[in-house]
Amino acid sequence: MAPIRVGILRGGIGSEYEVSLRTGAGVLRHLPGDKYQPVDILLSRDGAWYAGGLRATPERAVRGVDVIFNALHGEFGEDGQAQQLLDYLFKPYTGSGAVASALGMDKPRAKELFRQAGLRVPNGAVLRRADRPEETDAEAVAYDVFKKIPPPWIVKPASGGSSVDLRLARHYPELVAAVAAGLKQNDRILVEEYVRGQEATVGVVDRLRGRDHYPLLPVEIVTLPDKVLFDYEAKYGGQTKEICPGRFRPEDKLELERQAVLIHQQLGLRHYSRSDFIISPRGIYVLEVNTLPGLTEESLVPKALAAAGIAYPQFLDHLVTLALERR
């Protein structure tokens, strides 16, 4: 029987290009070779497609493969655009569909869906850059936030992942600076109250171990003393300690798993996802959902899989099988 040809789509046009390369490299390395024939498909920073090292149109890049393993992150790969293109080309792929991906990537819209599901989310406000960025008065919009939300604040893009461009503002001048920097780089930013507490993340995998949506063991994230935020540098620079299973109270562990599954269902996600939380004295807060969580050696989902006794190649095989069932 001929091996199944799997196109590993990686790279991308956004700020998470390097993370995607590493996710894709892990998939290329660990995809079971007795069953699959991997094909490296690269999307360059400038939007050019390459298959097997040769420049190609998107149509030609995916023509010879049976299924796409979507190892992209962030802009284009995680916001529904790549999914729409692959749907148009009638090519099955791993991960959530176009609509669910767009919802998960849009943090304000996702927060509203979390709220509608009865989940607790940080108070926040969406700020938009004017059509002419030089006319955006950062101090004016920051003062409006200052009047409504007490310090400290988290300032981040309204869409994106891997905690790129994440800032903590402890007082008003820092808020103005963070808003100015955020609006310079993004059309929309989200300013939220900073919720203190124990940080957790929970992965969900479809149709695993007899469950439609199987929650992985919650991972506890502990930042080093000189790091306050679990940002991009902390995630991929070895500046955090991840503990799995996390040191959670039994009732908190069960509630984290319940909420992660509920989020997965509420947004209509498929195959796998990962949701981030804070356990504070006021309760459990949902921070965001990742529809295509990282799969590098430093990433959280592989660590949770290992703690559950699920081998990484077995997980990749499971995702490809789920994608092929949709043909």
Protein backbone atom coordinates (compact mmCIF):
# COMPACT_ATOMS: atom_id res chain seq x y z
CA MET A 1 0.00 0.00 0.00
CA ALA A 2 1.39 3.39 -1.00
CA PRO A 3 2.18 5.75 1.87
CA ILE A 4 -0.13 8.68 2.51
CA ARG A 5 1.47 11.91 1.31
CA VAL A 6 1.22 14.58 4.00
CA GLY A 7 2.05 18.19 3.16
CA ILE A 8 3.46 19.94 6.23
CA LEU A 9 2.55 23.58 5.75
CA ARG A 10 4.82 25.85 7.78
CA GLY A 11 6.37 29.32 7.85
CA GLY A 12 3.89 32.12 7.25
CA ILE A 13 3.67 35.85 6.74
CA GLY A 14 3.23 36.93 10.35
CA SER A 15 5.33 37.39 13.47
CA GLU A 16 5.15 33.68 14.38
CA TYR A 17 7.16 32.52 11.35
CA GLU A 18 10.00 31.04 13.41
CA VAL A 19 7.65 29.18 15.77
CA SER A 20 5.84 27.70 12.79
CA LEU A 21 9.13 26.53 11.26
CA ARG A 22 9.91 24.71 14.50
CA THR A 23 6.44 23.20 14.77
CA GLY A 24 6.70 22.00 11.18
CA ALA A 25 10.19 20.61 11.76
CA GLY A 26 8.86 18.58 14.68
CA VAL A 27 6.06 17.18 12.54
CA LEU A 28 8.47 16.33 9.71
CA ARG A 29 10.76 14.56 12.16
CA HIS A 30 8.14 12.59 14.10
CA LEU A 31 5.43 11.74 11.57
CA PRO A 32 5.41 7.91 11.41
CA GLY A 33 7.49 6.99 8.37
CA ASP A 34 5.97 3.56 7.91
CA LYS A 35 2.60 5.10 7.10
CA TYR A 36 3.23 8.61 5.78
CA GLN A 37 5.43 10.34 3.24
CA PRO A 38 6.02 13.93 4.41
CA VAL A 39 6.26 16.79 1.92
CA ASP A 40 7.69 20.08 3.18
CA ILE A 41 5.54 23.03 2.04
CA LEU A 42 6.95 26.41 3.00
CA LEU A 43 5.09 29.71 3.03
CA SER A 44 7.74 32.44 3.04
CA ARG A 45 7.51 35.71 4.94
CA ASP A 46 6.58 37.51 1.71
CA GLY A 47 3.78 35.05 0.91
CA ALA A 48 5.58 32.87 -1.66
CA TRP A 49 4.83 29.13 -1.63
CA TYR A 50 7.50 26.41 -1.98
CA ALA A 51 7.01 22.64 -2.24
CA GLY A 52 10.05 20.42 -1.83
CA GLY A 53 12.22 23.54 -2.09
CA LEU A 54 10.75 24.68 -5.42
CA ARG A 55 8.64 27.81 -5.94
CA ALA A 56 5.01 26.96 -6.72
CA THR A 57 1.51 28.36 -6.70
CA PRO A 58 -0.65 27.25 -3.75
CA GLU A 59 -2.56 24.95 -6.10
CA ARG A 60 0.60 23.25 -7.36
CA ALA A 61 2.14 23.09 -3.90
CA VAL A 62 -0.71 20.97 -2.52
CA ARG A 63 -1.64 19.09 -5.70
CA GLY A 64 0.38 15.96 -5.04
CA VAL A 65 -0.48 15.48 -1.36
CA ASP A 66 -3.40 13.65 0.22
CA VAL A 67 -3.75 15.86 3.29
CA ILE A 68 -2.24 19.02 4.77
CA PHE A 69 -0.81 19.17 8.27
CA ASN A 70 -1.33 22.84 9.12
CA ALA A 71 1.73 23.83 11.15
CA LEU A 72 1.22 27.56 10.58
CA HIS A 73 0.63 29.97 13.46
CA GLY A 74 -0.81 33.46 13.64
CA GLU A 75 -1.70 35.62 10.66
CA PHE A 76 -3.00 33.75 7.59
CA GLY A 77 -2.41 30.30 9.07
CA GLU A 78 -4.56 30.54 12.17
CA ASP A 79 -7.12 33.22 11.32
CA GLY A 80 -9.17 31.30 8.74
CA GLN A 81 -7.44 32.46 5.56
CA ALA A 82 -5.36 29.33 4.97
CA GLN A 83 -8.37 27.22 5.90
CA GLN A 84 -10.53 29.00 3.32
CA LEU A 85 -7.88 28.44 0.66
CA LEU A 86 -7.55 24.74 1.48
CA ASP A 87 -11.33 24.34 1.48
CA TYR A 88 -11.43 25.98 -1.97
CA LEU A 89 -8.78 23.51 -3.16
CA PHE A 90 -10.74 20.58 -1.66
CA LYS A 91 -7.71 19.56 0.36
CA PRO A 92 -8.32 18.12 3.86
CA TYR A 93 -6.22 19.61 6.66
CA THR A 94 -5.59 19.30 10.37
CA GLY A 95 -7.05 21.76 12.84
CA SER A 96 -10.18 23.85 12.99
CA GLY A 97 -12.14 25.11 10.00
CA ALA A 98 -12.18 28.64 8.63
CA VAL A 99 -15.00 30.13 10.71
CA ALA A 100 -13.88 28.60 14.02
CA SER A 101 -10.28 29.66 13.34
CA ALA A 102 -11.35 33.25 12.67
CA LEU A 103 -13.37 33.31 15.90
CA GLY A 104 -10.50 31.95 17.96
CA MET A 105 -8.01 34.41 16.50
CA ASP A 106 -10.22 37.43 17.21
CA LYS A 107 -9.72 37.84 20.96
CA PRO A 108 -12.62 40.27 21.60
CA ARG A 109 -15.11 38.09 19.71
CA ALA A 110 -13.82 34.96 21.43
CA LYS A 111 -14.13 36.66 24.83
CA GLU A 112 -17.76 37.46 24.11
CA LEU A 113 -18.43 33.81 23.30
CA PHE A 114 -16.70 32.77 26.52
CA ARG A 115 -18.90 35.20 28.43
CA GLN A 116 -22.03 33.88 26.74
CA ALA A 117 -21.03 30.38 27.84
CA GLY A 118 -20.99 31.55 31.45
CA LEU A 119 -17.22 31.74 31.78
CA ARG A 120 -15.35 34.47 33.63
CA VAL A 121 -13.08 36.74 31.54
CA PRO A 122 -10.95 39.77 32.49
CA ASN A 123 -12.53 43.19 32.09
CA GLY A 124 -11.18 44.87 29.00
CA ALA A 125 -11.55 47.40 26.22
CA VAL A 126 -10.78 47.29 22.49
CA LEU A 127 -8.84 50.27 21.11
CA ARG A 128 -8.63 50.99 17.39
CA ARG A 129 -6.05 52.87 15.40
CA ALA A 130 -7.40 55.74 13.33
CA ASP A 131 -7.27 55.53 9.55
CA ARG A 132 -4.32 57.90 9.85
CA PRO A 133 -2.07 56.47 12.62
CA GLU A 134 -0.44 59.85 13.30
CA GLU A 135 -3.86 61.20 14.30
CA THR A 136 -4.40 58.54 16.98
CA ASP A 137 -4.00 60.22 20.38
CA ALA A 138 -2.60 57.44 22.55
CA GLU A 139 -2.91 59.48 25.74
CA ALA A 140 -6.58 60.25 25.10
CA VAL A 141 -7.55 56.62 24.50
CA ALA A 142 -5.36 55.44 27.37
CA TYR A 143 -7.05 57.89 29.74
CA ASP A 144 -10.43 56.50 28.75
CA VAL A 145 -9.22 53.03 29.77
CA PHE A 146 -7.67 54.44 32.96
CA LYS A 147 -11.08 55.75 34.04
CA LYS A 148 -12.79 52.36 33.56
CA ILE A 149 -10.24 49.69 34.47
CA PRO A 150 -7.94 49.84 37.52
CA PRO A 151 -4.20 49.13 37.15
CA PRO A 152 -2.18 47.15 36.34
CA TRP A 153 -3.16 46.40 32.73
CA ILE A 154 -2.27 43.89 30.04
CA VAL A 155 -1.96 45.38 26.54
CA LYS A 156 -1.92 42.99 23.57
CA PRO A 157 -3.00 42.77 19.91
CA ALA A 158 -6.68 41.98 19.40
CA SER A 159 -5.58 39.08 17.19
CA GLY A 160 -2.46 36.97 17.20
CA GLY A 161 -0.81 34.25 19.20
CA SER A 162 2.34 33.07 21.00
CA SER A 163 1.96 36.12 23.28
CA VAL A 164 3.69 38.29 20.67
CA ASP A 165 3.66 42.04 21.46
CA LEU A 166 2.30 41.45 24.97
CA ARG A 167 2.92 44.27 27.47
CA LEU A 168 2.30 44.89 31.17
CA ALA A 169 1.56 48.46 32.28
CA ARG A 170 1.78 49.05 36.03
CA HIS A 171 0.88 52.73 36.09
CA TYR A 172 -0.59 55.41 33.83
CA PRO A 173 2.60 56.52 31.98
CA GLU A 174 3.36 52.88 31.16
CA LEU A 175 -0.22 52.46 29.93
CA VAL A 176 0.15 55.43 27.56
CA ALA A 177 3.46 54.05 26.25
CA ALA A 178 2.03 50.53 25.82
CA VAL A 179 -1.06 51.82 24.02
CA ALA A 180 1.07 54.00 21.72
CA ALA A 181 3.38 51.10 20.87
CA GLY A 182 0.50 48.69 20.42
CA LEU A 183 -1.46 50.95 18.08
CA LYS A 184 1.67 51.69 16.08
CA GLN A 185 2.01 47.99 15.23
CA ASN A 186 -1.64 46.84 15.22
CA ASP A 187 -4.97 48.12 13.91
CA ARG A 188 -6.68 46.97 17.11
CA ILE A 189 -5.40 46.25 20.59
CA LEU A 190 -7.01 44.81 23.68
CA VAL A 191 -6.40 46.35 27.11
CA GLU A 192 -7.40 44.13 30.02
CA GLU A 193 -7.16 44.12 33.78
CA TYR A 194 -4.17 42.13 35.00
CA VAL A 195 -5.52 39.14 36.90
CA ARG A 196 -3.09 37.75 39.45
CA GLY A 197 -3.08 34.06 40.21
CA GLN A 198 -1.91 30.61 39.23
CA GLU A 199 -1.48 30.28 35.47
CA ALA A 200 -2.74 27.15 33.70
CA THR A 201 -3.23 25.82 30.20
CA VAL A 202 -5.32 22.84 29.07
CA GLY A 203 -5.23 21.02 25.76
CA VAL A 204 -8.23 19.27 24.20
CA VAL A 205 -8.00 16.50 21.61
CA ASP A 206 -10.98 15.17 19.66
CA ARG A 207 -12.02 11.52 19.71
CA LEU A 208 -9.36 10.25 22.04
CA ARG A 209 -9.64 7.52 24.67
CA GLY A 210 -13.35 7.05 24.12
CA ARG A 211 -14.29 10.72 24.51
CA ASP A 212 -15.50 13.14 21.85
CA HIS A 213 -13.35 15.89 23.39
CA TYR A 214 -10.58 14.60 25.63
CA PRO A 215 -8.97 17.14 28.01
CA LEU A 216 -5.26 16.71 28.57
CA LEU A 217 -3.82 17.15 32.04
CA PRO A 218 -3.71 20.85 33.00
CA VAL A 219 -0.22 22.33 32.85
CA GLU A 220 0.91 24.83 35.48
CA ILE A 221 3.06 27.68 34.15
CA VAL A 222 5.52 29.27 36.55
CA THR A 223 7.47 32.28 35.30
CA LEU A 224 10.96 32.91 36.62
CA PRO A 225 11.33 35.61 39.30
CA ASP A 226 12.50 38.25 36.82
CA LYS A 227 9.64 37.50 34.40
CA VAL A 228 6.11 38.66 35.16
CA LEU A 229 4.44 37.66 31.89
CA PHE A 230 4.30 34.42 29.95
CA ASP A 231 5.15 36.27 26.75
CA TYR A 232 6.89 35.16 23.54
CA GLU A 233 10.36 35.47 25.08
CA ALA A 234 9.33 33.48 28.14
CA LYS A 235 7.60 30.80 26.07
CA TYR A 236 10.44 30.08 23.68
CA GLY A 237 13.44 31.38 25.61
CA GLY A 238 13.35 28.91 28.49
CA GLN A 239 12.25 31.54 31.01
CA THR A 240 9.38 29.55 32.48
CA LYS A 241 8.88 26.32 34.33
CA GLU A 242 6.04 24.12 33.15
CA ILE A 243 4.70 21.55 35.60
CA CYS A 244 2.50 18.73 34.33
CA PRO A 245 0.39 17.56 36.01
CA GLY A 246 0.04 20.99 37.55
CA ARG A 247 -0.21 21.54 41.30
CA PHE A 248 -3.91 22.32 41.27
CA ARG A 249 -6.60 21.54 43.78
CA PRO A 250 -8.70 18.57 42.57
CA GLU A 251 -11.77 20.75 42.13
CA ASP A 252 -9.80 23.35 40.14
CA LYS A 253 -8.30 20.63 37.92
CA LEU A 254 -11.75 19.29 37.06
CA GLU A 255 -13.10 22.79 36.43
CA LEU A 256 -10.16 23.69 34.17
CA GLU A 257 -10.80 20.57 32.11
CA ARG A 258 -14.52 21.28 31.94
CA GLN A 259 -13.97 24.85 30.77
CA ALA A 260 -11.38 23.84 28.16
CA VAL A 261 -13.81 21.34 26.64
CA LEU A 262 -16.64 23.90 26.79
CA ILE A 263 -14.50 26.48 24.97
CA HIS A 264 -13.59 23.91 22.32
CA GLN A 265 -17.29 23.20 21.78
CA GLN A 266 -18.49 26.81 22.05
CA LEU A 267 -16.22 27.98 19.22
CA GLY A 268 -16.81 24.89 17.09
CA LEU A 269 -13.14 23.88 17.15
CA ARG A 270 -11.94 20.54 15.85
CA HIS A 271 -9.07 18.08 16.20
CA TYR A 272 -7.19 19.94 18.97
CA SER A 273 -6.93 23.22 20.84
CA ARG A 274 -5.38 24.72 23.96
CA SER A 275 -6.96 27.21 26.34
CA ASP A 276 -5.16 29.46 28.82
CA PHE A 277 -6.46 30.33 32.29
CA ILE A 278 -5.67 32.16 35.52
CA ILE A 279 -6.86 30.74 38.84
CA SER A 280 -7.37 33.76 41.08
CA PRO A 281 -9.04 34.15 44.49
CA ARG A 282 -12.08 35.45 42.55
CA GLY A 283 -12.32 32.27 40.46
CA ILE A 284 -11.01 30.88 37.18
CA TYR A 285 -10.54 33.38 34.34
CA VAL A 286 -10.25 32.44 30.67
CA LEU A 287 -7.45 34.35 28.96
CA GLU A 288 -7.63 33.01 25.40
CA VAL A 289 -7.85 29.95 23.19
CA ASN A 290 -5.22 28.68 20.75
CA THR A 291 -6.74 26.91 17.75
CA LEU A 292 -3.32 25.81 16.44
CA PRO A 293 -1.15 25.55 19.55
CA GLY A 294 2.59 25.20 19.12
CA LEU A 295 4.04 21.73 18.73
CA THR A 296 7.73 22.52 19.26
CA GLU A 297 9.80 20.67 21.85
CA GLU A 298 9.25 23.61 24.22
CA SER A 299 5.50 23.75 23.59
CA LEU A 300 2.88 22.89 26.16
CA VAL A 301 0.71 20.40 24.27
CA PRO A 302 3.56 17.90 23.69
CA LYS A 303 4.40 18.10 27.40
CA ALA A 304 0.79 17.42 28.36
CA LEU A 305 0.65 14.53 25.88
CA ALA A 306 3.76 12.97 27.40
CA ALA A 307 2.29 13.28 30.90
CA ALA A 308 -0.82 11.44 29.68
CA GLY A 309 1.27 8.65 28.17
CA ILE A 310 0.55 9.65 24.57
CA ALA A 311 3.57 9.51 22.27
CA TYR A 312 4.11 12.48 19.97
CA PRO A 313 4.12 10.37 16.75
CA GLN A 314 0.90 8.71 17.92
CA PHE A 315 -0.69 12.15 18.36
CA LEU A 316 0.39 13.29 14.89
CA ASP A 317 -1.01 10.09 13.38
CA HIS A 318 -4.29 10.72 15.21
CA LEU A 319 -4.61 14.26 13.84
CA VAL A 320 -3.91 13.19 10.26
CA THR A 321 -6.45 10.38 10.59
CA LEU A 322 -9.08 12.84 11.82
CA ALA A 323 -8.35 15.16 8.89
CA LEU A 324 -8.57 12.36 6.32
CA GLU A 325 -11.96 11.27 7.65
CA ARG A 326 -13.41 14.56 6.38
CA ARG A 327 -12.60 13.80 2.72
